[in-house]
Amino acid sequence: MTIPRVRPPYVADERTQLVGWLDLQRSIVLWKCEGLSEEDAHRPVLPTSPLMTVAGLLSHMRWTEHCWFEVLFQGGDSAVNPQFDESAENADMRMEGVPLARLLDEYERQCQVSNEIVAAHSLDDLGKSSFYDDPPSLRWMLIHMVEETARHAGQLDTIRELLDGAKGYY
């Protein structure tokens, strides 16, 4: 799956615009990984945040997609997601030795799964997870994922500039 790095249309239905903005942020995440060496993808640049690497953030974003759309929205199994592993803090960001190409592939595939879930449901549908007393709608989750992905894309922008000087929005 290739996620285009384009803004959604100025005039479109709500779903097209929400998914379009999310896909743009996802594509920026992928763009920030282009041309990185394995060493740089796993290199921490913030002394007090050793897990804040390109590889760590990419993995975190993959599992965040899984968390919100498969677990919290569809009520799927949380046991396969390291974000729910209480025995290891930030388990989803511990990517020592995991190749960048694998992380990129897993993230792109997870984004595709997320988009398939979104396409099959109403924006008004509520999450099915038992984690909530008052579950959020799919619309709320999409807006949250735009925010979450954009925040991490900004972190990747900073990390990339610190690694090799590469910068740019899109």
N, C-alpha and C. Protein backbone atom coordinates (compact mmCIF):
# COMPACT_ATOMS: atom_id res chain seq x y z
N MET A 1 0.84 -1.18 0.00
CA MET A 1 0.00 0.00 0.00
C MET A 1 0.89 1.24 0.00
N THR A 2 0.66 2.12 -0.92
CA THR A 2 1.36 3.39 -0.94
C THR A 2 0.39 4.46 -0.49
N ILE A 3 0.76 5.16 0.55
CA ILE A 3 -0.11 6.22 1.07
C ILE A 3 0.33 7.52 0.41
N PRO A 4 -0.54 8.16 -0.38
CA PRO A 4 -0.14 9.39 -1.06
C PRO A 4 0.07 10.53 -0.08
N ARG A 5 1.04 11.36 -0.39
CA ARG A 5 1.34 12.50 0.48
C ARG A 5 0.64 13.74 -0.09
N VAL A 6 -0.68 13.73 0.01
CA VAL A 6 -1.50 14.85 -0.50
C VAL A 6 -2.57 15.18 0.53
N ARG A 7 -2.96 16.44 0.52
CA ARG A 7 -4.07 16.86 1.38
C ARG A 7 -5.38 16.38 0.79
N PRO A 8 -6.36 16.16 1.66
CA PRO A 8 -7.68 15.77 1.14
C PRO A 8 -8.31 16.95 0.38
N PRO A 9 -9.33 16.66 -0.41
CA PRO A 9 -9.99 17.74 -1.16
C PRO A 9 -10.59 18.79 -0.21
N TYR A 10 -10.62 20.03 -0.68
CA TYR A 10 -11.21 21.12 0.11
C TYR A 10 -12.70 20.90 0.35
N VAL A 11 -13.36 20.31 -0.59
CA VAL A 11 -14.78 20.06 -0.47
C VAL A 11 -15.00 18.56 -0.66
N ALA A 12 -15.40 17.91 0.41
CA ALA A 12 -15.65 16.47 0.37
C ALA A 12 -16.48 16.10 1.59
N ASP A 13 -16.98 14.88 1.60
CA ASP A 13 -17.73 14.43 2.77
C ASP A 13 -16.79 14.26 3.96
N GLU A 14 -17.38 14.16 5.12
CA GLU A 14 -16.62 14.09 6.37
C GLU A 14 -15.63 12.93 6.40
N ARG A 15 -16.08 11.75 6.01
CA ARG A 15 -15.22 10.56 6.03
C ARG A 15 -14.00 10.76 5.13
N THR A 16 -14.22 11.27 3.93
CA THR A 16 -13.12 11.51 2.99
C THR A 16 -12.10 12.46 3.59
N GLN A 17 -12.59 13.50 4.24
CA GLN A 17 -11.66 14.47 4.82
C GLN A 17 -10.93 13.90 6.04
N LEU A 18 -11.63 13.21 6.92
CA LEU A 18 -10.97 12.63 8.11
C LEU A 18 -9.92 11.60 7.71
N VAL A 19 -10.29 10.67 6.86
CA VAL A 19 -9.33 9.64 6.43
C VAL A 19 -8.22 10.28 5.61
N GLY A 20 -8.56 11.30 4.82
CA GLY A 20 -7.55 11.99 4.03
C GLY A 20 -6.50 12.66 4.88
N TRP A 21 -6.94 13.35 5.94
CA TRP A 21 -5.96 13.99 6.84
C TRP A 21 -5.13 12.95 7.59
N LEU A 22 -5.77 11.86 8.00
CA LEU A 22 -5.02 10.81 8.68
C LEU A 22 -4.01 10.18 7.73
N ASP A 23 -4.43 9.89 6.50
CA ASP A 23 -3.50 9.32 5.53
C ASP A 23 -2.33 10.26 5.22
N LEU A 24 -2.60 11.57 5.18
CA LEU A 24 -1.50 12.51 4.96
C LEU A 24 -0.48 12.41 6.08
N GLN A 25 -0.94 12.38 7.33
CA GLN A 25 -0.01 12.27 8.45
C GLN A 25 0.74 10.94 8.42
N ARG A 26 0.03 9.86 8.08
CA ARG A 26 0.68 8.56 7.95
C ARG A 26 1.78 8.61 6.89
N SER A 27 1.49 9.27 5.78
CA SER A 27 2.48 9.34 4.70
C SER A 27 3.70 10.16 5.13
N ILE A 28 3.50 11.16 5.97
CA ILE A 28 4.63 11.93 6.49
C ILE A 28 5.48 11.07 7.41
N VAL A 29 4.84 10.23 8.22
CA VAL A 29 5.58 9.28 9.06
C VAL A 29 6.48 8.42 8.18
N LEU A 30 5.93 7.88 7.11
CA LEU A 30 6.72 7.03 6.21
C LEU A 30 7.83 7.82 5.52
N TRP A 31 7.52 9.03 5.11
CA TRP A 31 8.50 9.88 4.44
C TRP A 31 9.70 10.16 5.35
N LYS A 32 9.45 10.37 6.62
CA LYS A 32 10.54 10.66 7.55
C LYS A 32 11.48 9.46 7.73
N CYS A 33 11.05 8.30 7.27
CA CYS A 33 11.88 7.10 7.37
C CYS A 33 12.68 6.81 6.10
N GLU A 34 12.36 7.51 5.02
CA GLU A 34 13.01 7.24 3.73
C GLU A 34 14.50 7.52 3.79
N GLY A 35 15.27 6.59 3.28
CA GLY A 35 16.71 6.78 3.15
C GLY A 35 17.50 6.63 4.43
N LEU A 36 16.87 6.23 5.51
CA LEU A 36 17.59 6.06 6.78
C LEU A 36 18.35 4.74 6.81
N SER A 37 19.51 4.77 7.39
CA SER A 37 20.24 3.52 7.61
C SER A 37 19.63 2.81 8.82
N GLU A 38 19.90 1.52 8.92
CA GLU A 38 19.44 0.76 10.09
C GLU A 38 19.98 1.38 11.37
N GLU A 39 21.23 1.77 11.33
CA GLU A 39 21.86 2.36 12.51
C GLU A 39 21.13 3.63 12.94
N ASP A 40 20.84 4.51 11.97
CA ASP A 40 20.15 5.76 12.31
C ASP A 40 18.71 5.51 12.74
N ALA A 41 18.04 4.53 12.15
CA ALA A 41 16.66 4.23 12.51
C ALA A 41 16.54 3.81 13.97
N HIS A 42 17.61 3.25 14.52
CA HIS A 42 17.59 2.76 15.89
C HIS A 42 18.40 3.65 16.85
N ARG A 43 18.91 4.75 16.36
CA ARG A 43 19.77 5.62 17.17
C ARG A 43 18.95 6.62 17.98
N PRO A 44 19.10 6.60 19.31
CA PRO A 44 18.43 7.62 20.11
C PRO A 44 19.18 8.95 20.00
N VAL A 45 18.45 10.04 19.89
CA VAL A 45 19.08 11.36 19.80
C VAL A 45 18.70 12.25 20.98
N LEU A 46 17.78 11.79 21.80
CA LEU A 46 17.37 12.53 22.98
C LEU A 46 17.88 11.78 24.21
N PRO A 47 18.86 12.32 24.92
CA PRO A 47 19.51 11.59 26.00
C PRO A 47 18.57 11.05 27.08
N THR A 48 17.49 11.77 27.35
CA THR A 48 16.59 11.31 28.42
C THR A 48 15.45 10.43 27.89
N SER A 49 15.44 10.17 26.58
CA SER A 49 14.39 9.34 25.98
C SER A 49 15.01 8.31 25.03
N PRO A 50 15.69 7.31 25.57
CA PRO A 50 16.42 6.36 24.72
C PRO A 50 15.55 5.51 23.81
N LEU A 51 14.27 5.38 24.09
CA LEU A 51 13.39 4.60 23.22
C LEU A 51 12.78 5.45 22.11
N MET A 52 12.97 6.76 22.18
CA MET A 52 12.42 7.68 21.18
C MET A 52 13.33 7.68 19.95
N THR A 53 13.20 6.61 19.18
CA THR A 53 13.95 6.46 17.94
C THR A 53 12.96 6.39 16.79
N VAL A 54 13.46 6.50 15.58
CA VAL A 54 12.58 6.35 14.41
C VAL A 54 11.92 4.97 14.47
N ALA A 55 12.70 3.94 14.74
CA ALA A 55 12.15 2.58 14.82
C ALA A 55 11.13 2.46 15.94
N GLY A 56 11.43 3.03 17.09
CA GLY A 56 10.52 2.97 18.23
C GLY A 56 9.20 3.68 17.95
N LEU A 57 9.28 4.86 17.35
CA LEU A 57 8.06 5.60 17.04
C LEU A 57 7.24 4.91 15.95
N LEU A 58 7.91 4.36 14.96
CA LEU A 58 7.21 3.66 13.89
C LEU A 58 6.45 2.45 14.46
N SER A 59 7.09 1.70 15.31
CA SER A 59 6.43 0.56 15.95
C SER A 59 5.27 1.04 16.83
N HIS A 60 5.51 2.09 17.60
CA HIS A 60 4.46 2.64 18.45
C HIS A 60 3.23 3.03 17.61
N MET A 61 3.47 3.66 16.48
CA MET A 61 2.36 4.09 15.63
C MET A 61 1.62 2.89 15.04
N ARG A 62 2.34 1.85 14.70
CA ARG A 62 1.68 0.64 14.20
C ARG A 62 0.74 0.09 15.26
N TRP A 63 1.26 -0.04 16.47
CA TRP A 63 0.45 -0.64 17.54
C TRP A 63 -0.66 0.31 18.02
N THR A 64 -0.46 1.61 17.86
CA THR A 64 -1.52 2.55 18.20
C THR A 64 -2.68 2.41 17.22
N GLU A 65 -2.38 2.23 15.94
CA GLU A 65 -3.42 1.95 14.94
C GLU A 65 -4.20 0.69 15.35
N HIS A 66 -3.47 -0.36 15.70
CA HIS A 66 -4.09 -1.62 16.10
C HIS A 66 -4.95 -1.41 17.34
N CYS A 67 -4.41 -0.70 18.31
CA CYS A 67 -5.11 -0.45 19.57
C CYS A 67 -6.46 0.21 19.33
N TRP A 68 -6.45 1.31 18.61
CA TRP A 68 -7.69 2.08 18.46
C TRP A 68 -8.71 1.42 17.56
N PHE A 69 -8.28 0.89 16.43
CA PHE A 69 -9.26 0.38 15.47
C PHE A 69 -9.62 -1.09 15.68
N GLU A 70 -8.65 -1.92 16.02
CA GLU A 70 -8.96 -3.35 16.18
C GLU A 70 -9.39 -3.70 17.61
N VAL A 71 -8.73 -3.11 18.60
CA VAL A 71 -9.04 -3.47 19.99
C VAL A 71 -10.16 -2.59 20.55
N LEU A 72 -9.96 -1.29 20.57
CA LEU A 72 -10.93 -0.41 21.22
C LEU A 72 -12.20 -0.20 20.41
N PHE A 73 -12.09 -0.19 19.07
CA PHE A 73 -13.30 -0.02 18.27
C PHE A 73 -14.00 -1.35 18.03
N GLN A 74 -13.26 -2.36 17.57
CA GLN A 74 -13.90 -3.63 17.24
C GLN A 74 -14.00 -4.59 18.41
N GLY A 75 -13.31 -4.30 19.50
CA GLY A 75 -13.36 -5.20 20.65
C GLY A 75 -12.45 -6.40 20.50
N GLY A 76 -11.41 -6.28 19.67
CA GLY A 76 -10.49 -7.38 19.41
C GLY A 76 -9.57 -7.69 20.58
N ASP A 77 -8.73 -8.67 20.37
CA ASP A 77 -7.82 -9.19 21.39
C ASP A 77 -6.68 -8.21 21.68
N SER A 78 -6.58 -7.75 22.90
CA SER A 78 -5.51 -6.83 23.29
C SER A 78 -4.21 -7.57 23.61
N ALA A 79 -4.27 -8.88 23.80
CA ALA A 79 -3.09 -9.64 24.22
C ALA A 79 -1.98 -9.63 23.17
N VAL A 80 -2.31 -9.44 21.90
CA VAL A 80 -1.29 -9.44 20.85
C VAL A 80 -0.60 -8.09 20.73
N ASN A 81 -1.10 -7.08 21.41
CA ASN A 81 -0.58 -5.72 21.29
C ASN A 81 0.32 -5.40 22.48
N PRO A 82 1.61 -5.09 22.22
CA PRO A 82 2.53 -4.81 23.33
C PRO A 82 2.16 -3.58 24.15
N GLN A 83 1.29 -2.72 23.65
CA GLN A 83 0.87 -1.56 24.44
C GLN A 83 0.08 -1.98 25.69
N PHE A 84 -0.46 -3.18 25.65
CA PHE A 84 -1.23 -3.68 26.79
C PHE A 84 -0.39 -4.57 27.70
N ASP A 85 0.89 -4.71 27.41
CA ASP A 85 1.79 -5.55 28.20
C ASP A 85 2.25 -4.75 29.43
N GLU A 86 1.70 -5.10 30.56
CA GLU A 86 2.02 -4.36 31.78
C GLU A 86 3.35 -4.79 32.41
N SER A 87 3.97 -5.83 31.87
CA SER A 87 5.23 -6.31 32.44
C SER A 87 6.45 -5.55 31.89
N ALA A 88 6.26 -4.81 30.79
CA ALA A 88 7.39 -4.08 30.20
C ALA A 88 6.92 -2.70 29.77
N GLU A 89 7.41 -1.67 30.44
CA GLU A 89 7.04 -0.32 30.09
C GLU A 89 7.48 0.01 28.66
N ASN A 90 6.58 0.62 27.89
CA ASN A 90 6.85 1.02 26.51
C ASN A 90 7.31 -0.16 25.64
N ALA A 91 6.72 -1.31 25.85
CA ALA A 91 7.11 -2.51 25.10
C ALA A 91 6.97 -2.29 23.60
N ASP A 92 6.01 -1.49 23.18
CA ASP A 92 5.80 -1.26 21.74
C ASP A 92 6.91 -0.43 21.10
N MET A 93 7.77 0.19 21.91
CA MET A 93 8.85 1.02 21.37
C MET A 93 10.21 0.33 21.47
N ARG A 94 10.26 -0.85 22.00
CA ARG A 94 11.52 -1.58 22.16
C ARG A 94 11.79 -2.40 20.90
N MET A 95 12.52 -1.79 19.98
CA MET A 95 12.70 -2.38 18.65
C MET A 95 14.15 -2.68 18.30
N GLU A 96 14.95 -2.94 19.32
CA GLU A 96 16.34 -3.26 19.07
C GLU A 96 16.42 -4.47 18.15
N GLY A 97 17.18 -4.34 17.05
CA GLY A 97 17.41 -5.44 16.15
C GLY A 97 16.29 -5.72 15.15
N VAL A 98 15.18 -5.00 15.23
CA VAL A 98 14.09 -5.21 14.27
C VAL A 98 14.37 -4.33 13.06
N PRO A 99 14.47 -4.92 11.87
CA PRO A 99 14.82 -4.15 10.66
C PRO A 99 13.77 -3.08 10.34
N LEU A 100 14.26 -1.93 9.90
CA LEU A 100 13.38 -0.83 9.54
C LEU A 100 12.39 -1.24 8.45
N ALA A 101 12.83 -2.01 7.46
CA ALA A 101 11.93 -2.44 6.38
C ALA A 101 10.75 -3.22 6.93
N ARG A 102 10.99 -4.06 7.91
CA ARG A 102 9.89 -4.82 8.52
C ARG A 102 8.92 -3.89 9.25
N LEU A 103 9.46 -2.92 9.99
CA LEU A 103 8.62 -1.98 10.71
C LEU A 103 7.78 -1.14 9.75
N LEU A 104 8.37 -0.72 8.65
CA LEU A 104 7.64 0.05 7.64
C LEU A 104 6.51 -0.79 7.04
N ASP A 105 6.82 -2.03 6.69
CA ASP A 105 5.81 -2.92 6.11
C ASP A 105 4.66 -3.16 7.09
N GLU A 106 5.00 -3.43 8.34
CA GLU A 106 3.96 -3.68 9.35
C GLU A 106 3.09 -2.44 9.58
N TYR A 107 3.70 -1.27 9.57
CA TYR A 107 2.93 -0.04 9.76
C TYR A 107 1.99 0.19 8.58
N GLU A 108 2.50 0.05 7.38
CA GLU A 108 1.65 0.25 6.20
C GLU A 108 0.49 -0.75 6.16
N ARG A 109 0.77 -2.01 6.48
CA ARG A 109 -0.29 -3.02 6.50
C ARG A 109 -1.32 -2.70 7.59
N GLN A 110 -0.86 -2.23 8.74
CA GLN A 110 -1.80 -1.90 9.82
C GLN A 110 -2.67 -0.72 9.43
N CYS A 111 -2.09 0.27 8.75
CA CYS A 111 -2.87 1.41 8.28
C CYS A 111 -3.93 0.96 7.28
N GLN A 112 -3.60 0.01 6.43
CA GLN A 112 -4.56 -0.53 5.47
C GLN A 112 -5.71 -1.23 6.21
N VAL A 113 -5.38 -2.03 7.22
CA VAL A 113 -6.41 -2.69 8.02
C VAL A 113 -7.30 -1.64 8.68
N SER A 114 -6.70 -0.61 9.24
CA SER A 114 -7.47 0.45 9.89
C SER A 114 -8.43 1.10 8.90
N ASN A 115 -7.95 1.40 7.71
CA ASN A 115 -8.81 2.04 6.71
C ASN A 115 -9.94 1.11 6.27
N GLU A 116 -9.70 -0.18 6.21
CA GLU A 116 -10.75 -1.14 5.87
C GLU A 116 -11.83 -1.17 6.97
N ILE A 117 -11.40 -1.10 8.22
CA ILE A 117 -12.35 -1.06 9.34
C ILE A 117 -13.19 0.21 9.26
N VAL A 118 -12.53 1.34 9.05
CA VAL A 118 -13.24 2.62 8.96
C VAL A 118 -14.24 2.60 7.81
N ALA A 119 -13.85 2.07 6.67
CA ALA A 119 -14.73 2.04 5.49
C ALA A 119 -15.98 1.19 5.72
N ALA A 120 -15.88 0.21 6.60
CA ALA A 120 -16.98 -0.73 6.81
C ALA A 120 -17.96 -0.30 7.89
N HIS A 121 -17.72 0.86 8.51
CA HIS A 121 -18.57 1.28 9.63
C HIS A 121 -19.01 2.73 9.50
N SER A 122 -20.07 3.04 10.20
CA SER A 122 -20.55 4.41 10.29
C SER A 122 -19.65 5.19 11.25
N LEU A 123 -19.48 6.45 10.98
CA LEU A 123 -18.70 7.30 11.89
C LEU A 123 -19.36 7.42 13.25
N ASP A 124 -20.64 7.13 13.31
CA ASP A 124 -21.38 7.20 14.57
C ASP A 124 -21.31 5.91 15.38
N ASP A 125 -20.79 4.83 14.78
CA ASP A 125 -20.68 3.57 15.51
C ASP A 125 -19.76 3.75 16.71
N LEU A 126 -20.08 3.06 17.80
CA LEU A 126 -19.31 3.18 19.03
C LEU A 126 -18.35 2.01 19.19
N GLY A 127 -17.25 2.29 19.90
CA GLY A 127 -16.28 1.24 20.19
C GLY A 127 -16.91 0.12 20.99
N LYS A 128 -16.41 -1.10 20.79
CA LYS A 128 -16.97 -2.28 21.46
C LYS A 128 -16.11 -2.79 22.61
N SER A 129 -15.02 -2.11 22.89
CA SER A 129 -14.10 -2.57 23.92
C SER A 129 -14.70 -2.44 25.32
N SER A 130 -14.34 -3.37 26.16
CA SER A 130 -14.78 -3.31 27.56
C SER A 130 -13.92 -2.33 28.37
N PHE A 131 -12.93 -1.69 27.73
CA PHE A 131 -12.08 -0.73 28.42
C PHE A 131 -12.81 0.57 28.76
N TYR A 132 -13.97 0.78 28.15
CA TYR A 132 -14.70 2.04 28.33
C TYR A 132 -16.06 1.81 28.95
N ASP A 133 -16.44 2.70 29.87
CA ASP A 133 -17.81 2.73 30.36
C ASP A 133 -18.69 3.47 29.35
N ASP A 134 -18.11 4.49 28.74
CA ASP A 134 -18.81 5.31 27.76
C ASP A 134 -17.95 5.33 26.49
N PRO A 135 -18.14 4.37 25.58
CA PRO A 135 -17.23 4.22 24.45
C PRO A 135 -17.31 5.38 23.45
N PRO A 136 -16.18 5.77 22.88
CA PRO A 136 -16.16 6.83 21.88
C PRO A 136 -16.65 6.31 20.52
N SER A 137 -17.07 7.26 19.69
CA SER A 137 -17.50 6.92 18.34
C SER A 137 -16.28 6.73 17.43
N LEU A 138 -16.52 6.12 16.30
CA LEU A 138 -15.46 5.97 15.30
C LEU A 138 -14.98 7.35 14.84
N ARG A 139 -15.88 8.31 14.75
CA ARG A 139 -15.51 9.68 14.38
C ARG A 139 -14.49 10.23 15.38
N TRP A 140 -14.77 10.07 16.68
CA TRP A 140 -13.86 10.55 17.72
C TRP A 140 -12.50 9.87 17.57
N MET A 141 -12.52 8.56 17.32
CA MET A 141 -11.26 7.82 17.18
C MET A 141 -10.45 8.31 15.98
N LEU A 142 -11.13 8.59 14.88
CA LEU A 142 -10.42 9.12 13.71
C LEU A 142 -9.78 10.47 14.01
N ILE A 143 -10.53 11.34 14.65
CA ILE A 143 -9.97 12.66 15.00
C ILE A 143 -8.78 12.49 15.94
N HIS A 144 -8.93 11.62 16.91
CA HIS A 144 -7.82 11.35 17.83
C HIS A 144 -6.60 10.82 17.08
N MET A 145 -6.81 9.93 16.12
CA MET A 145 -5.69 9.35 15.38
C MET A 145 -5.02 10.38 14.47
N VAL A 146 -5.76 11.36 13.96
CA VAL A 146 -5.13 12.45 13.22
C VAL A 146 -4.19 13.20 14.16
N GLU A 147 -4.67 13.52 15.36
CA GLU A 147 -3.85 14.22 16.36
C GLU A 147 -2.64 13.40 16.76
N GLU A 148 -2.86 12.15 17.09
CA GLU A 148 -1.79 11.26 17.55
C GLU A 148 -0.71 11.10 16.47
N THR A 149 -1.14 10.85 15.26
CA THR A 149 -0.19 10.61 14.17
C THR A 149 0.56 11.90 13.83
N ALA A 150 -0.12 13.03 13.82
CA ALA A 150 0.54 14.30 13.53
C ALA A 150 1.58 14.65 14.60
N ARG A 151 1.24 14.37 15.84
CA ARG A 151 2.20 14.65 16.93
C ARG A 151 3.47 13.83 16.75
N HIS A 152 3.29 12.55 16.44
CA HIS A 152 4.47 11.70 16.26
C HIS A 152 5.21 12.01 14.96
N ALA A 153 4.50 12.45 13.93
CA ALA A 153 5.17 12.87 12.70
C ALA A 153 6.07 14.07 13.00
N GLY A 154 5.62 14.97 13.86
CA GLY A 154 6.44 16.10 14.27
C GLY A 154 7.66 15.67 15.05
N GLN A 155 7.49 14.67 15.92
CA GLN A 155 8.65 14.14 16.64
C GLN A 155 9.64 13.51 15.67
N LEU A 156 9.13 12.78 14.68
CA LEU A 156 10.00 12.16 13.68
C LEU A 156 10.73 13.22 12.87
N ASP A 157 10.07 14.33 12.60
CA ASP A 157 10.70 15.43 11.88
C ASP A 157 11.91 15.94 12.65
N THR A 158 11.74 16.12 13.95
CA THR A 158 12.83 16.60 14.79
C THR A 158 13.94 15.56 14.89
N ILE A 159 13.57 14.31 15.12
CA ILE A 159 14.57 13.24 15.22
C ILE A 159 15.37 13.15 13.93
N ARG A 160 14.67 13.19 12.79
CA ARG A 160 15.36 13.08 11.51
C ARG A 160 16.34 14.23 11.30
N GLU A 161 15.94 15.44 11.67
CA GLU A 161 16.85 16.58 11.53
C GLU A 161 18.07 16.41 12.44
N LEU A 162 17.87 15.89 13.64
CA LEU A 162 19.00 15.67 14.54
C LEU A 162 19.91 14.54 14.03
N LEU A 163 19.34 13.56 13.36
CA LEU A 163 20.14 12.44 12.84
C LEU A 163 21.02 12.85 11.67
N ASP A 164 20.41 13.49 10.66
CA ASP A 164 21.17 13.74 9.43
C ASP A 164 20.88 15.08 8.76
N GLY A 165 20.14 15.94 9.43
CA GLY A 165 19.87 17.26 8.90
C GLY A 165 18.70 17.32 7.92
N ALA A 166 18.12 16.18 7.57
CA ALA A 166 16.99 16.19 6.63
C ALA A 166 15.78 16.84 7.29
N LYS A 167 15.14 17.74 6.54
CA LYS A 167 13.96 18.39 7.08
C LYS A 167 13.01 18.74 5.95
N GLY A 168 11.82 19.11 6.33
CA GLY A 168 10.79 19.47 5.37
C GLY A 168 9.45 18.99 5.84
N TYR A 169 8.38 19.63 5.35
CA TYR A 169 7.04 19.26 5.78
C TYR A 169 6.50 18.16 4.90
N TYR A 170 6.25 18.42 3.65
CA TYR A 170 5.82 17.37 2.73
C TYR A 170 5.87 17.90 1.34
